[in-house]
Amino acid sequence: MTVTILVSALVSLTLTPMMCSRFLRSKQQERHGRLYALSERGFDLLLAVIARAWMLRSATTDDLAVFVATLLATGYLFAVIPKGFFPQQDTGLIIGTSEAAQDVSFAERCAASAPSRTSS
């Protein structure tokens, strides 16, 4: 565990800054095509619309009412929805079946179904 932390610290203090200096460029060195400029204008427009809508409608009592209604609906549905998929009690029993050819002896069957002891 200690070695892992030391390797992580070494990478974060040496390799990561070096990779950032290679991949990241300053704003003066950036060059983008028409598709990038078009999508950037679209994102800026979307951001302006969202910002304007948020300024017009700040957090009001409507937000609190929606939150309380959602909370009440969740409680109501929890009480009303049937819970038949959940067992009433755990019996602690697991049942499994296996099939083999009719000419297999009991000893061979036990040997085949025993857990393997090979190390991985």
PDB file of N, CA and C in Angstrom:
ATOM      1  N   MET A   1       0.825  -1.188   0.000  1.00  0.00           N
ATOM      2  CA  MET A   1       0.000   0.000   0.000  1.00  0.00           C
ATOM      3  C   MET A   1       0.869   1.251   0.000  1.00  0.00           C
ATOM      4  N   THR A   2       1.917   1.246   0.781  1.00  0.00           N
ATOM      5  CA  THR A   2       2.804   2.405   0.854  1.00  0.00           C
ATOM      6  C   THR A   2       3.495   2.638  -0.483  1.00  0.00           C
ATOM      7  N   VAL A   3       3.917   1.571  -1.135  1.00  0.00           N
ATOM      8  CA  VAL A   3       4.588   1.701  -2.423  1.00  0.00           C
ATOM      9  C   VAL A   3       3.627   2.296  -3.451  1.00  0.00           C
ATOM     10  N   THR A   4       2.388   1.881  -3.411  1.00  0.00           N
ATOM     11  CA  THR A   4       1.387   2.399  -4.336  1.00  0.00           C
ATOM     12  C   THR A   4       1.201   3.901  -4.150  1.00  0.00           C
ATOM     13  N   ILE A   5       1.140   4.341  -2.915  1.00  0.00           N
ATOM     14  CA  ILE A   5       0.987   5.764  -2.625  1.00  0.00           C
ATOM     15  C   ILE A   5       2.214   6.542  -3.086  1.00  0.00           C
ATOM     16  N   LEU A   6       3.398   5.989  -2.874  1.00  0.00           N
ATOM     17  CA  LEU A   6       4.616   6.670  -3.312  1.00  0.00           C
ATOM     18  C   LEU A   6       4.694   6.763  -4.831  1.00  0.00           C
ATOM     19  N   VAL A   7       4.314   5.694  -5.529  1.00  0.00           N
ATOM     20  CA  VAL A   7       4.317   5.729  -6.997  1.00  0.00           C
ATOM     21  C   VAL A   7       3.300   6.746  -7.493  1.00  0.00           C
ATOM     22  N   SER A   8       2.138   6.786  -6.874  1.00  0.00           N
ATOM     23  CA  SER A   8       1.117   7.754  -7.263  1.00  0.00           C
ATOM     24  C   SER A   8       1.608   9.178  -7.050  1.00  0.00           C
ATOM     25  N   ALA A   9       2.265   9.427  -5.941  1.00  0.00           N
ATOM     26  CA  ALA A   9       2.808  10.764  -5.678  1.00  0.00           C
ATOM     27  C   ALA A   9       3.884  11.126  -6.685  1.00  0.00           C
ATOM     28  N   LEU A  10       4.737  10.176  -7.017  1.00  0.00           N
ATOM     29  CA  LEU A  10       5.799  10.419  -7.992  1.00  0.00           C
ATOM     30  C   LEU A  10       5.207  10.756  -9.358  1.00  0.00           C
ATOM     31  N   VAL A  11       4.210   9.992  -9.783  1.00  0.00           N
ATOM     32  CA  VAL A  11       3.579  10.247 -11.080  1.00  0.00           C
ATOM     33  C   VAL A  11       2.882  11.604 -11.078  1.00  0.00           C
ATOM     34  N   SER A  12       2.157  11.917 -10.010  1.00  0.00           N
ATOM     35  CA  SER A  12       1.408  13.175  -9.983  1.00  0.00           C
ATOM     36  C   SER A  12       2.323  14.390  -9.894  1.00  0.00           C
ATOM     37  N   LEU A  13       3.522  14.234  -9.373  1.00  0.00           N
ATOM     38  CA  LEU A  13       4.435  15.369  -9.262  1.00  0.00           C
ATOM     39  C   LEU A  13       5.409  15.490 -10.431  1.00  0.00           C
ATOM     40  N   THR A  14       5.560  14.431 -11.233  1.00  0.00           N
ATOM     41  CA  THR A  14       6.527  14.494 -12.327  1.00  0.00           C
ATOM     42  C   THR A  14       5.875  14.272 -13.688  1.00  0.00           C
ATOM     43  N   LEU A  15       5.253  13.142 -13.891  1.00  0.00           N
ATOM     44  CA  LEU A  15       4.743  12.776 -15.206  1.00  0.00           C
ATOM     45  C   LEU A  15       3.551  13.630 -15.626  1.00  0.00           C
ATOM     46  N   THR A  16       2.617  13.865 -14.730  1.00  0.00           N
ATOM     47  CA  THR A  16       1.421  14.626 -15.071  1.00  0.00           C
ATOM     48  C   THR A  16       1.735  16.060 -15.496  1.00  0.00           C
ATOM     49  N   PRO A  17       2.550  16.823 -14.770  1.00  0.00           N
ATOM     50  CA  PRO A  17       2.879  18.174 -15.246  1.00  0.00           C
ATOM     51  C   PRO A  17       3.613  18.171 -16.589  1.00  0.00           C
ATOM     52  N   MET A  18       4.475  17.179 -16.808  1.00  0.00           N
ATOM     53  CA  MET A  18       5.197  17.111 -18.078  1.00  0.00           C
ATOM     54  C   MET A  18       4.222  16.856 -19.227  1.00  0.00           C
ATOM     55  N   MET A  19       3.245  15.949 -19.028  1.00  0.00           N
ATOM     56  CA  MET A  19       2.270  15.662 -20.075  1.00  0.00           C
ATOM     57  C   MET A  19       1.382  16.880 -20.326  1.00  0.00           C
ATOM     58  N   CYS A  20       1.033  17.609 -19.281  1.00  0.00           N
ATOM     59  CA  CYS A  20       0.221  18.813 -19.459  1.00  0.00           C
ATOM     60  C   CYS A  20       0.973  19.858 -20.264  1.00  0.00           C
ATOM     61  N   SER A  21       2.267  20.000 -20.009  1.00  0.00           N
ATOM     62  CA  SER A  21       3.043  20.987 -20.767  1.00  0.00           C
ATOM     63  C   SER A  21       3.134  20.612 -22.235  1.00  0.00           C
ATOM     64  N   ARG A  22       3.063  19.326 -22.553  1.00  0.00           N
ATOM     65  CA  ARG A  22       3.121  18.891 -23.951  1.00  0.00           C
ATOM     66  C   ARG A  22       1.780  19.033 -24.661  1.00  0.00           C
ATOM     67  N   PHE A  23       0.689  18.729 -23.974  1.00  0.00           N
ATOM     68  CA  PHE A  23      -0.610  18.684 -24.625  1.00  0.00           C
ATOM     69  C   PHE A  23      -1.385  19.989 -24.564  1.00  0.00           C
ATOM     70  N   LEU A  24      -1.271  20.742 -23.476  1.00  0.00           N
ATOM     71  CA  LEU A  24      -2.045  21.965 -23.325  1.00  0.00           C
ATOM     72  C   LEU A  24      -1.329  23.120 -24.002  1.00  0.00           C
ATOM     73  N   ARG A  25      -2.076  23.928 -24.698  1.00  0.00           N
ATOM     74  CA  ARG A  25      -1.515  25.077 -25.397  1.00  0.00           C
ATOM     75  C   ARG A  25      -2.161  26.349 -24.863  1.00  0.00           C
ATOM     76  N   SER A  26      -1.485  27.471 -25.038  1.00  0.00           N
ATOM     77  CA  SER A  26      -2.050  28.741 -24.614  1.00  0.00           C
ATOM     78  C   SER A  26      -3.098  29.183 -25.625  1.00  0.00           C
ATOM     79  N   LYS A  27      -3.892  30.181 -25.264  1.00  0.00           N
ATOM     80  CA  LYS A  27      -4.964  30.662 -26.134  1.00  0.00           C
ATOM     81  C   LYS A  27      -4.403  31.211 -27.449  1.00  0.00           C
ATOM     82  N   GLN A  28      -3.193  31.795 -27.447  1.00  0.00           N
ATOM     83  CA  GLN A  28      -2.621  32.350 -28.666  1.00  0.00           C
ATOM     84  C   GLN A  28      -2.208  31.251 -29.644  1.00  0.00           C
ATOM     85  N   GLN A  29      -1.894  30.063 -29.156  1.00  0.00           N
ATOM     86  CA  GLN A  29      -1.440  28.973 -30.007  1.00  0.00           C
ATOM     87  C   GLN A  29      -2.576  28.095 -30.523  1.00  0.00           C
ATOM     88  N   GLU A  30      -3.803  28.304 -30.022  1.00  0.00           N
ATOM     89  CA  GLU A  30      -4.920  27.466 -30.435  1.00  0.00           C
ATOM     90  C   GLU A  30      -5.381  27.827 -31.838  1.00  0.00           C
ATOM     91  N   ARG A  31      -5.686  26.822 -32.624  1.00  0.00           N
ATOM     92  CA  ARG A  31      -6.244  27.015 -33.954  1.00  0.00           C
ATOM     93  C   ARG A  31      -7.396  26.030 -34.122  1.00  0.00           C
ATOM     94  N   HIS A  32      -8.538  26.578 -34.490  1.00  0.00           N
ATOM     95  CA  HIS A  32      -9.724  25.744 -34.638  1.00  0.00           C
ATOM     96  C   HIS A  32     -10.353  25.983 -35.999  1.00  0.00           C
ATOM     97  N   GLY A  33     -11.101  24.997 -36.450  1.00  0.00           N
ATOM     98  CA  GLY A  33     -11.771  25.082 -37.733  1.00  0.00           C
ATOM     99  C   GLY A  33     -13.150  25.707 -37.630  1.00  0.00           C
ATOM    100  N   ARG A  34     -13.870  25.682 -38.746  1.00  0.00           N
ATOM    101  CA  ARG A  34     -15.199  26.288 -38.812  1.00  0.00           C
ATOM    102  C   ARG A  34     -16.212  25.535 -37.952  1.00  0.00           C
ATOM    103  N   LEU A  35     -16.126  24.210 -37.952  1.00  0.00           N
ATOM    104  CA  LEU A  35     -17.068  23.419 -37.155  1.00  0.00           C
ATOM    105  C   LEU A  35     -16.930  23.745 -35.669  1.00  0.00           C
ATOM    106  N   TYR A  36     -15.693  23.891 -35.213  1.00  0.00           N
ATOM    107  CA  TYR A  36     -15.471  24.238 -33.812  1.00  0.00           C
ATOM    108  C   TYR A  36     -16.064  25.610 -33.507  1.00  0.00           C
ATOM    109  N   ALA A  37     -15.824  26.581 -34.386  1.00  0.00           N
ATOM    110  CA  ALA A  37     -16.344  27.932 -34.160  1.00  0.00           C
ATOM    111  C   ALA A  37     -17.867  27.936 -34.155  1.00  0.00           C
ATOM    112  N   LEU A  38     -18.482  27.178 -35.068  1.00  0.00           N
ATOM    113  CA  LEU A  38     -19.936  27.099 -35.118  1.00  0.00           C
ATOM    114  C   LEU A  38     -20.508  26.459 -33.855  1.00  0.00           C
ATOM    115  N   SER A  39     -19.918  25.360 -33.438  1.00  0.00           N
ATOM    116  CA  SER A  39     -20.419  24.699 -32.228  1.00  0.00           C
ATOM    117  C   SER A  39     -20.164  25.555 -30.995  1.00  0.00           C
ATOM    118  N   GLU A  40     -19.064  26.283 -30.971  1.00  0.00           N
ATOM    119  CA  GLU A  40     -18.772  27.155 -29.828  1.00  0.00           C
ATOM    120  C   GLU A  40     -19.800  28.287 -29.747  1.00  0.00           C
ATOM    121  N   ARG A  41     -20.186  28.860 -30.901  1.00  0.00           N
ATOM    122  CA  ARG A  41     -21.222  29.891 -30.902  1.00  0.00           C
ATOM    123  C   ARG A  41     -22.554  29.320 -30.426  1.00  0.00           C
ATOM    124  N   GLY A  42     -22.863  28.093 -30.838  1.00  0.00           N
ATOM    125  CA  GLY A  42     -24.097  27.455 -30.379  1.00  0.00           C
ATOM    126  C   GLY A  42     -24.099  27.230 -28.874  1.00  0.00           C
ATOM    127  N   PHE A  43     -22.969  26.791 -28.340  1.00  0.00           N
ATOM    128  CA  PHE A  43     -22.869  26.579 -26.885  1.00  0.00           C
ATOM    129  C   PHE A  43     -22.982  27.897 -26.134  1.00  0.00           C
ATOM    130  N   ASP A  44     -22.369  28.948 -26.676  1.00  0.00           N
ATOM    131  CA  ASP A  44     -22.465  30.257 -26.026  1.00  0.00           C
ATOM    132  C   ASP A  44     -23.902  30.764 -26.025  1.00  0.00           C
ATOM    133  N   LEU A  45     -24.617  30.548 -27.130  1.00  0.00           N
ATOM    134  CA  LEU A  45     -26.018  30.953 -27.201  1.00  0.00           C
ATOM    135  C   LEU A  45     -26.860  30.175 -26.194  1.00  0.00           C
ATOM    136  N   LEU A  46     -26.632  28.872 -26.119  1.00  0.00           N
ATOM    137  CA  LEU A  46     -27.360  28.037 -25.158  1.00  0.00           C
ATOM    138  C   LEU A  46     -27.074  28.486 -23.728  1.00  0.00           C
ATOM    139  N   LEU A  47     -25.829  28.781 -23.434  1.00  0.00           N
ATOM    140  CA  LEU A  47     -25.458  29.245 -22.100  1.00  0.00           C
ATOM    141  C   LEU A  47     -26.134  30.571 -21.774  1.00  0.00           C
ATOM    142  N   ALA A  48     -26.220  31.474 -22.765  1.00  0.00           N
ATOM    143  CA  ALA A  48     -26.878  32.761 -22.537  1.00  0.00           C
ATOM    144  C   ALA A  48     -28.372  32.568 -22.268  1.00  0.00           C
ATOM    145  N   VAL A  49     -29.004  31.665 -23.009  1.00  0.00           N
ATOM    146  CA  VAL A  49     -30.437  31.409 -22.807  1.00  0.00           C
ATOM    147  C   VAL A  49     -30.674  30.830 -21.415  1.00  0.00           C
ATOM    148  N   ILE A  50     -29.856  29.877 -21.018  1.00  0.00           N
ATOM    149  CA  ILE A  50     -30.018  29.270 -19.692  1.00  0.00           C
ATOM    150  C   ILE A  50     -29.762  30.288 -18.594  1.00  0.00           C
ATOM    151  N   ALA A  51     -28.732  31.119 -18.758  1.00  0.00           N
ATOM    152  CA  ALA A  51     -28.426  32.133 -17.744  1.00  0.00           C
ATOM    153  C   ALA A  51     -29.560  33.138 -17.618  1.00  0.00           C
ATOM    154  N   ARG A  52     -30.139  33.547 -18.748  1.00  0.00           N
ATOM    155  CA  ARG A  52     -31.243  34.499 -18.702  1.00  0.00           C
ATOM    156  C   ARG A  52     -32.466  33.879 -18.037  1.00  0.00           C
ATOM    157  N   ALA A  53     -32.774  32.627 -18.391  1.00  0.00           N
ATOM    158  CA  ALA A  53     -33.920  31.953 -17.785  1.00  0.00           C
ATOM    159  C   ALA A  53     -33.705  31.762 -16.286  1.00  0.00           C
ATOM    160  N   TRP A  54     -32.495  31.488 -15.878  1.00  0.00           N
ATOM    161  CA  TRP A  54     -32.220  31.291 -14.460  1.00  0.00           C
ATOM    162  C   TRP A  54     -32.344  32.602 -13.694  1.00  0.00           C
ATOM    163  N   MET A  55     -31.937  33.706 -14.334  1.00  0.00           N
ATOM    164  CA  MET A  55     -32.044  35.003 -13.668  1.00  0.00           C
ATOM    165  C   MET A  55     -33.505  35.424 -13.538  1.00  0.00           C
ATOM    166  N   LEU A  56     -34.325  35.090 -14.560  1.00  0.00           N
ATOM    167  CA  LEU A  56     -35.729  35.440 -14.487  1.00  0.00           C
ATOM    168  C   LEU A  56     -36.471  34.622 -13.441  1.00  0.00           C
ATOM    169  N   ARG A  57     -36.030  33.380 -13.263  1.00  0.00           N
ATOM    170  CA  ARG A  57     -36.705  32.496 -12.317  1.00  0.00           C
ATOM    171  C   ARG A  57     -35.685  31.967 -11.330  1.00  0.00           C
ATOM    172  N   SER A  58     -35.495  32.689 -10.263  1.00  0.00           N
ATOM    173  CA  SER A  58     -34.581  32.196  -9.245  1.00  0.00           C
ATOM    174  C   SER A  58     -35.331  31.206  -8.360  1.00  0.00           C
ATOM    175  N   ALA A  59     -34.655  30.669  -7.374  1.00  0.00           N
ATOM    176  CA  ALA A  59     -35.270  29.673  -6.497  1.00  0.00           C
ATOM    177  C   ALA A  59     -36.468  30.299  -5.776  1.00  0.00           C
ATOM    178  N   THR A  60     -37.632  29.718  -5.995  1.00  0.00           N
ATOM    179  CA  THR A  60     -38.865  30.250  -5.400  1.00  0.00           C
ATOM    180  C   THR A  60     -39.559  29.153  -4.615  1.00  0.00           C
ATOM    181  N   THR A  61     -40.752  29.486  -4.169  1.00  0.00           N
ATOM    182  CA  THR A  61     -41.529  28.497  -3.426  1.00  0.00           C
ATOM    183  C   THR A  61     -42.012  27.379  -4.342  1.00  0.00           C
ATOM    184  N   ASP A  62     -42.037  27.634  -5.665  1.00  0.00           N
ATOM    185  CA  ASP A  62     -42.414  26.574  -6.601  1.00  0.00           C
ATOM    186  C   ASP A  62     -41.428  25.409  -6.518  1.00  0.00           C
ATOM    187  N   ASP A  63     -40.153  25.739  -6.410  1.00  0.00           N
ATOM    188  CA  ASP A  63     -39.135  24.690  -6.296  1.00  0.00           C
ATOM    189  C   ASP A  63     -39.352  23.857  -5.045  1.00  0.00           C
ATOM    190  N   LEU A  64     -39.631  24.537  -3.946  1.00  0.00           N
ATOM    191  CA  LEU A  64     -39.872  23.824  -2.695  1.00  0.00           C
ATOM    192  C   LEU A  64     -41.132  22.968  -2.795  1.00  0.00           C
ATOM    193  N   ALA A  65     -42.164  23.463  -3.471  1.00  0.00           N
ATOM    194  CA  ALA A  65     -43.404  22.707  -3.630  1.00  0.00           C
ATOM    195  C   ALA A  65     -43.172  21.449  -4.464  1.00  0.00           C
ATOM    196  N   VAL A  66     -42.384  21.564  -5.528  1.00  0.00           N
ATOM    197  CA  VAL A  66     -42.072  20.391  -6.355  1.00  0.00           C
ATOM    198  C   VAL A  66     -41.281  19.371  -5.541  1.00  0.00           C
ATOM    199  N   PHE A  67     -40.333  19.829  -4.738  1.00  0.00           N
ATOM    200  CA  PHE A  67     -39.542  18.929  -3.900  1.00  0.00           C
ATOM    201  C   PHE A  67     -40.430  18.181  -2.908  1.00  0.00           C
ATOM    202  N   VAL A  68     -41.305  18.903  -2.231  1.00  0.00           N
ATOM    203  CA  VAL A  68     -42.188  18.274  -1.238  1.00  0.00           C
ATOM    204  C   VAL A  68     -43.153  17.304  -1.923  1.00  0.00           C
ATOM    205  N   ALA A  69     -43.682  17.680  -3.091  1.00  0.00           N
ATOM    206  CA  ALA A  69     -44.592  16.788  -3.816  1.00  0.00           C
ATOM    207  C   ALA A  69     -43.878  15.505  -4.237  1.00  0.00           C
ATOM    208  N   THR A  70     -42.647  15.628  -4.691  1.00  0.00           N
ATOM    209  CA  THR A  70     -41.880  14.443  -5.068  1.00  0.00           C
ATOM    210  C   THR A  70     -41.630  13.550  -3.860  1.00  0.00           C
ATOM    211  N   LEU A  71     -41.303  14.154  -2.738  1.00  0.00           N
ATOM    212  CA  LEU A  71     -41.068  13.396  -1.512  1.00  0.00           C
ATOM    213  C   LEU A  71     -42.335  12.661  -1.077  1.00  0.00           C
ATOM    214  N   LEU A  72     -43.473  13.340  -1.122  1.00  0.00           N
ATOM    215  CA  LEU A  72     -44.734  12.705  -0.731  1.00  0.00           C
ATOM    216  C   LEU A  72     -45.130  11.595  -1.705  1.00  0.00           C
ATOM    217  N   ALA A  73     -44.927  11.831  -3.000  1.00  0.00           N
ATOM    218  CA  ALA A  73     -45.255  10.798  -3.993  1.00  0.00           C
ATOM    219  C   ALA A  73     -44.379   9.565  -3.801  1.00  0.00           C
ATOM    220  N   THR A  74     -43.109   9.775  -3.468  1.00  0.00           N
ATOM    221  CA  THR A  74     -42.217   8.644  -3.226  1.00  0.00           C
ATOM    222  C   THR A  74     -42.693   7.831  -2.027  1.00  0.00           C
ATOM    223  N   GLY A  75     -43.061   8.494  -0.946  1.00  0.00           N
ATOM    224  CA  GLY A  75     -43.566   7.788   0.237  1.00  0.00           C
ATOM    225  C   GLY A  75     -44.856   7.047  -0.048  1.00  0.00           C
ATOM    226  N   TYR A  76     -45.765   7.677  -0.789  1.00  0.00           N
ATOM    227  CA  TYR A  76     -47.034   7.046  -1.141  1.00  0.00           C
ATOM    228  C   TYR A  76     -46.804   5.802  -1.997  1.00  0.00           C
ATOM    229  N   LEU A  77     -45.965   5.924  -3.020  1.00  0.00           N
ATOM    230  CA  LEU A  77     -45.702   4.778  -3.888  1.00  0.00           C
ATOM    231  C   LEU A  77     -44.991   3.656  -3.145  1.00  0.00           C
ATOM    232  N   PHE A  78     -44.124   3.993  -2.213  1.00  0.00           N
ATOM    233  CA  PHE A  78     -43.462   2.968  -1.418  1.00  0.00           C
ATOM    234  C   PHE A  78     -44.475   2.172  -0.609  1.00  0.00           C
ATOM    235  N   ALA A  79     -45.485   2.857  -0.095  1.00  0.00           N
ATOM    236  CA  ALA A  79     -46.504   2.167   0.708  1.00  0.00           C
ATOM    237  C   ALA A  79     -47.481   1.370  -0.147  1.00  0.00           C
ATOM    238  N   VAL A  80     -47.775   1.843  -1.364  1.00  0.00           N
ATOM    239  CA  VAL A  80     -48.828   1.238  -2.179  1.00  0.00           C
ATOM    240  C   VAL A  80     -48.329   0.097  -3.054  1.00  0.00           C
ATOM    241  N   ILE A  81     -47.147   0.202  -3.614  1.00  0.00           N
ATOM    242  CA  ILE A  81     -46.652  -0.800  -4.561  1.00  0.00           C
ATOM    243  C   ILE A  81     -46.431  -2.128  -3.852  1.00  0.00           C
ATOM    244  N   PRO A  82     -46.927  -3.242  -4.417  1.00  0.00           N
ATOM    245  CA  PRO A  82     -46.747  -4.548  -3.773  1.00  0.00           C
ATOM    246  C   PRO A  82     -45.268  -4.955  -3.745  1.00  0.00           C
ATOM    247  N   LYS A  83     -44.927  -5.638  -2.708  1.00  0.00           N
ATOM    248  CA  LYS A  83     -43.546  -6.059  -2.526  1.00  0.00           C
ATOM    249  C   LYS A  83     -43.429  -7.572  -2.580  1.00  0.00           C
ATOM    250  N   GLY A  84     -44.108  -8.193  -3.536  1.00  0.00           N
ATOM    251  CA  GLY A  84     -44.137  -9.642  -3.660  1.00  0.00           C
ATOM    252  C   GLY A  84     -42.826 -10.246  -4.129  1.00  0.00           C
ATOM    253  N   PHE A  85     -41.969  -9.444  -4.740  1.00  0.00           N
ATOM    254  CA  PHE A  85     -40.705  -9.975  -5.206  1.00  0.00           C
ATOM    255  C   PHE A  85     -39.719 -10.207  -4.067  1.00  0.00           C
ATOM    256  N   PHE A  86     -39.949  -9.605  -2.929  1.00  0.00           N
ATOM    257  CA  PHE A  86     -39.055  -9.771  -1.798  1.00  0.00           C
ATOM    258  C   PHE A  86     -39.502 -10.947  -0.953  1.00  0.00           C
ATOM    259  N   PRO A  87     -38.595 -11.855  -0.570  1.00  0.00           N
ATOM    260  CA  PRO A  87     -39.002 -12.987   0.268  1.00  0.00           C
ATOM    261  C   PRO A  87     -39.380 -12.514   1.669  1.00  0.00           C
ATOM    262  N   GLN A  88     -40.342 -13.211   2.261  1.00  0.00           N
ATOM    263  CA  GLN A  88     -40.779 -12.831   3.598  1.00  0.00           C
ATOM    264  C   GLN A  88     -39.726 -13.144   4.642  1.00  0.00           C
ATOM    265  N   GLN A  89     -39.021 -14.234   4.430  1.00  0.00           N
ATOM    266  CA  GLN A  89     -37.939 -14.568   5.364  1.00  0.00           C
ATOM    267  C   GLN A  89     -36.882 -15.351   4.623  1.00  0.00           C
ATOM    268  N   ASP A  90     -35.680 -15.268   5.100  1.00  0.00           N
ATOM    269  CA  ASP A  90     -34.565 -15.968   4.479  1.00  0.00           C
ATOM    270  C   ASP A  90     -34.462 -17.356   5.098  1.00  0.00           C
ATOM    271  N   THR A  91     -34.549 -18.394   4.267  1.00  0.00           N
ATOM    272  CA  THR A  91     -34.473 -19.761   4.785  1.00  0.00           C
ATOM    273  C   THR A  91     -33.041 -20.247   4.898  1.00  0.00           C
ATOM    274  N   GLY A  92     -32.103 -19.568   4.259  1.00  0.00           N
ATOM    275  CA  GLY A  92     -30.701 -19.965   4.336  1.00  0.00           C
ATOM    276  C   GLY A  92     -30.402 -21.213   3.537  1.00  0.00           C
ATOM    277  N   LEU A  93     -31.203 -21.525   2.535  1.00  0.00           N
ATOM    278  CA  LEU A  93     -31.048 -22.749   1.768  1.00  0.00           C
ATOM    279  C   LEU A  93     -30.793 -22.410   0.313  1.00  0.00           C
ATOM    280  N   ILE A  94     -29.757 -22.999  -0.253  1.00  0.00           N
ATOM    281  CA  ILE A  94     -29.451 -22.846  -1.673  1.00  0.00           C
ATOM    282  C   ILE A  94     -29.605 -24.210  -2.315  1.00  0.00           C
ATOM    283  N   ILE A  95     -30.365 -24.272  -3.376  1.00  0.00           N
ATOM    284  CA  ILE A  95     -30.606 -25.534  -4.060  1.00  0.00           C
ATOM    285  C   ILE A  95     -29.925 -25.495  -5.413  1.00  0.00           C
ATOM    286  N   GLY A  96     -29.187 -26.562  -5.737  1.00  0.00           N
ATOM    287  CA  GLY A  96     -28.534 -26.667  -7.028  1.00  0.00           C
ATOM    288  C   GLY A  96     -28.711 -28.062  -7.589  1.00  0.00           C
ATOM    289  N   THR A  97     -28.719 -28.183  -8.910  1.00  0.00           N
ATOM    290  CA  THR A  97     -28.848 -29.479  -9.563  1.00  0.00           C
ATOM    291  C   THR A  97     -27.720 -29.652 -10.558  1.00  0.00           C
ATOM    292  N   SER A  98     -27.399 -30.893 -10.829  1.00  0.00           N
ATOM    293  CA  SER A  98     -26.394 -31.194 -11.849  1.00  0.00           C
ATOM    294  C   SER A  98     -26.856 -32.422 -12.628  1.00  0.00           C
ATOM    295  N   GLU A  99     -26.394 -32.510 -13.865  1.00  0.00           N
ATOM    296  CA  GLU A  99     -26.765 -33.634 -14.715  1.00  0.00           C
ATOM    297  C   GLU A  99     -25.500 -34.278 -15.251  1.00  0.00           C
ATOM    298  N   ALA A 100     -25.558 -35.598 -15.404  1.00  0.00           N
ATOM    299  CA  ALA A 100     -24.425 -36.342 -15.955  1.00  0.00           C
ATOM    300  C   ALA A 100     -24.977 -37.539 -16.727  1.00  0.00           C
ATOM    301  N   ALA A 101     -24.095 -38.182 -17.449  1.00  0.00           N
ATOM    302  CA  ALA A 101     -24.503 -39.377 -18.193  1.00  0.00           C
ATOM    303  C   ALA A 101     -24.915 -40.476 -17.223  1.00  0.00           C
ATOM    304  N   GLN A 102     -25.724 -41.427 -17.699  1.00  0.00           N
ATOM    305  CA  GLN A 102     -26.228 -42.473 -16.823  1.00  0.00           C
ATOM    306  C   GLN A 102     -25.147 -43.453 -16.410  1.00  0.00           C
ATOM    307  N   ASP A 103     -24.073 -43.581 -17.187  1.00  0.00           N
ATOM    308  CA  ASP A 103     -23.040 -44.560 -16.846  1.00  0.00           C
ATOM    309  C   ASP A 103     -21.973 -44.010 -15.911  1.00  0.00           C
ATOM    310  N   VAL A 104     -22.136 -42.803 -15.372  1.00  0.00           N
ATOM    311  CA  VAL A 104     -21.157 -42.213 -14.453  1.00  0.00           C
ATOM    312  C   VAL A 104     -21.412 -42.754 -13.057  1.00  0.00           C
ATOM    313  N   SER A 105     -20.327 -43.178 -12.393  1.00  0.00           N
ATOM    314  CA  SER A 105     -20.473 -43.703 -11.034  1.00  0.00           C
ATOM    315  C   SER A 105     -20.607 -42.537 -10.041  1.00  0.00           C
ATOM    316  N   PHE A 106     -21.032 -42.874  -8.842  1.00  0.00           N
ATOM    317  CA  PHE A 106     -21.206 -41.872  -7.801  1.00  0.00           C
ATOM    318  C   PHE A 106     -19.874 -41.215  -7.441  1.00  0.00           C
ATOM    319  N   ALA A 107     -18.817 -42.012  -7.365  1.00  0.00           N
ATOM    320  CA  ALA A 107     -17.495 -41.477  -7.016  1.00  0.00           C
ATOM    321  C   ALA A 107     -17.005 -40.501  -8.088  1.00  0.00           C
ATOM    322  N   GLU A 108     -17.192 -40.852  -9.372  1.00  0.00           N
ATOM    323  CA  GLU A 108     -16.784 -39.945 -10.447  1.00  0.00           C
ATOM    324  C   GLU A 108     -17.593 -38.646 -10.413  1.00  0.00           C
ATOM    325  N   ARG A 109     -18.852 -38.783 -10.092  1.00  0.00           N
ATOM    326  CA  ARG A 109     -19.720 -37.601 -10.020  1.00  0.00           C
ATOM    327  C   ARG A 109     -19.288 -36.684  -8.891  1.00  0.00           C
ATOM    328  N   CYS A 110     -18.956 -37.266  -7.731  1.00  0.00           N
ATOM    329  CA  CYS A 110     -18.483 -36.455  -6.607  1.00  0.00           C
ATOM    330  C   CYS A 110     -17.154 -35.783  -6.940  1.00  0.00           C
ATOM    331  N   ALA A 111     -16.267 -36.497  -7.614  1.00  0.00           N
ATOM    332  CA  ALA A 111     -14.972 -35.927  -7.982  1.00  0.00           C
ATOM    333  C   ALA A 111     -15.143 -34.788  -8.988  1.00  0.00           C
ATOM    334  N   ALA A 112     -16.077 -34.926  -9.912  1.00  0.00           N
ATOM    335  CA  ALA A 112     -16.286 -33.892 -10.924  1.00  0.00           C
ATOM    336  C   ALA A 112     -16.933 -32.646 -10.340  1.00  0.00           C
ATOM    337  N   SER A 113     -17.760 -32.807  -9.325  1.00  0.00           N
ATOM    338  CA  SER A 113     -18.457 -31.655  -8.768  1.00  0.00           C
ATOM    339  C   SER A 113     -17.712 -31.021  -7.604  1.00  0.00           C
ATOM    340  N   ALA A 114     -16.613 -31.627  -7.133  1.00  0.00           N
ATOM    341  CA  ALA A 114     -15.840 -31.051  -6.040  1.00  0.00           C
ATOM    342  C   ALA A 114     -15.126 -29.794  -6.539  1.00  0.00           C
ATOM    343  N   PRO A 115     -14.966 -28.781  -5.683  1.00  0.00           N
ATOM    344  CA  PRO A 115     -14.266 -27.555  -6.106  1.00  0.00           C
ATOM    345  C   PRO A 115     -12.803 -27.873  -6.415  1.00  0.00           C
ATOM    346  N   SER A 116     -12.286 -27.268  -7.458  1.00  0.00           N
ATOM    347  CA  SER A 116     -10.895 -27.534  -7.835  1.00  0.00           C
ATOM    348  C   SER A 116      -9.959 -26.843  -6.855  1.00  0.00           C
ATOM    349  N   ARG A 117      -8.821 -27.448  -6.640  1.00  0.00           N
ATOM    350  CA  ARG A 117      -7.862 -26.906  -5.679  1.00  0.00           C
ATOM    351  C   ARG A 117      -6.626 -26.341  -6.385  1.00  0.00           C
ATOM    352  N   THR A 118      -6.783 -25.930  -7.618  1.00  0.00           N
ATOM    353  CA  THR A 118      -5.648 -25.361  -8.333  1.00  0.00           C
ATOM    354  C   THR A 118      -5.492 -23.911  -7.936  1.00  0.00           C
ATOM    355  N   SER A 119      -4.278 -23.469  -7.830  1.00  0.00           N
ATOM    356  CA  SER A 119      -4.024 -22.070  -7.464  1.00  0.00           C
ATOM    357  C   SER A 119      -4.030 -21.232  -8.725  1.00  0.00           C
ATOM    358  N   SER A 120      -4.545 -20.001  -8.613  1.00  0.00           N
ATOM    359  CA  SER A 120      -4.570 -19.127  -9.778  1.00  0.00           C
ATOM    360  C   SER A 120      -3.607 -17.991  -9.640  1.00  0.00           C
TER     361      SER A 120
END
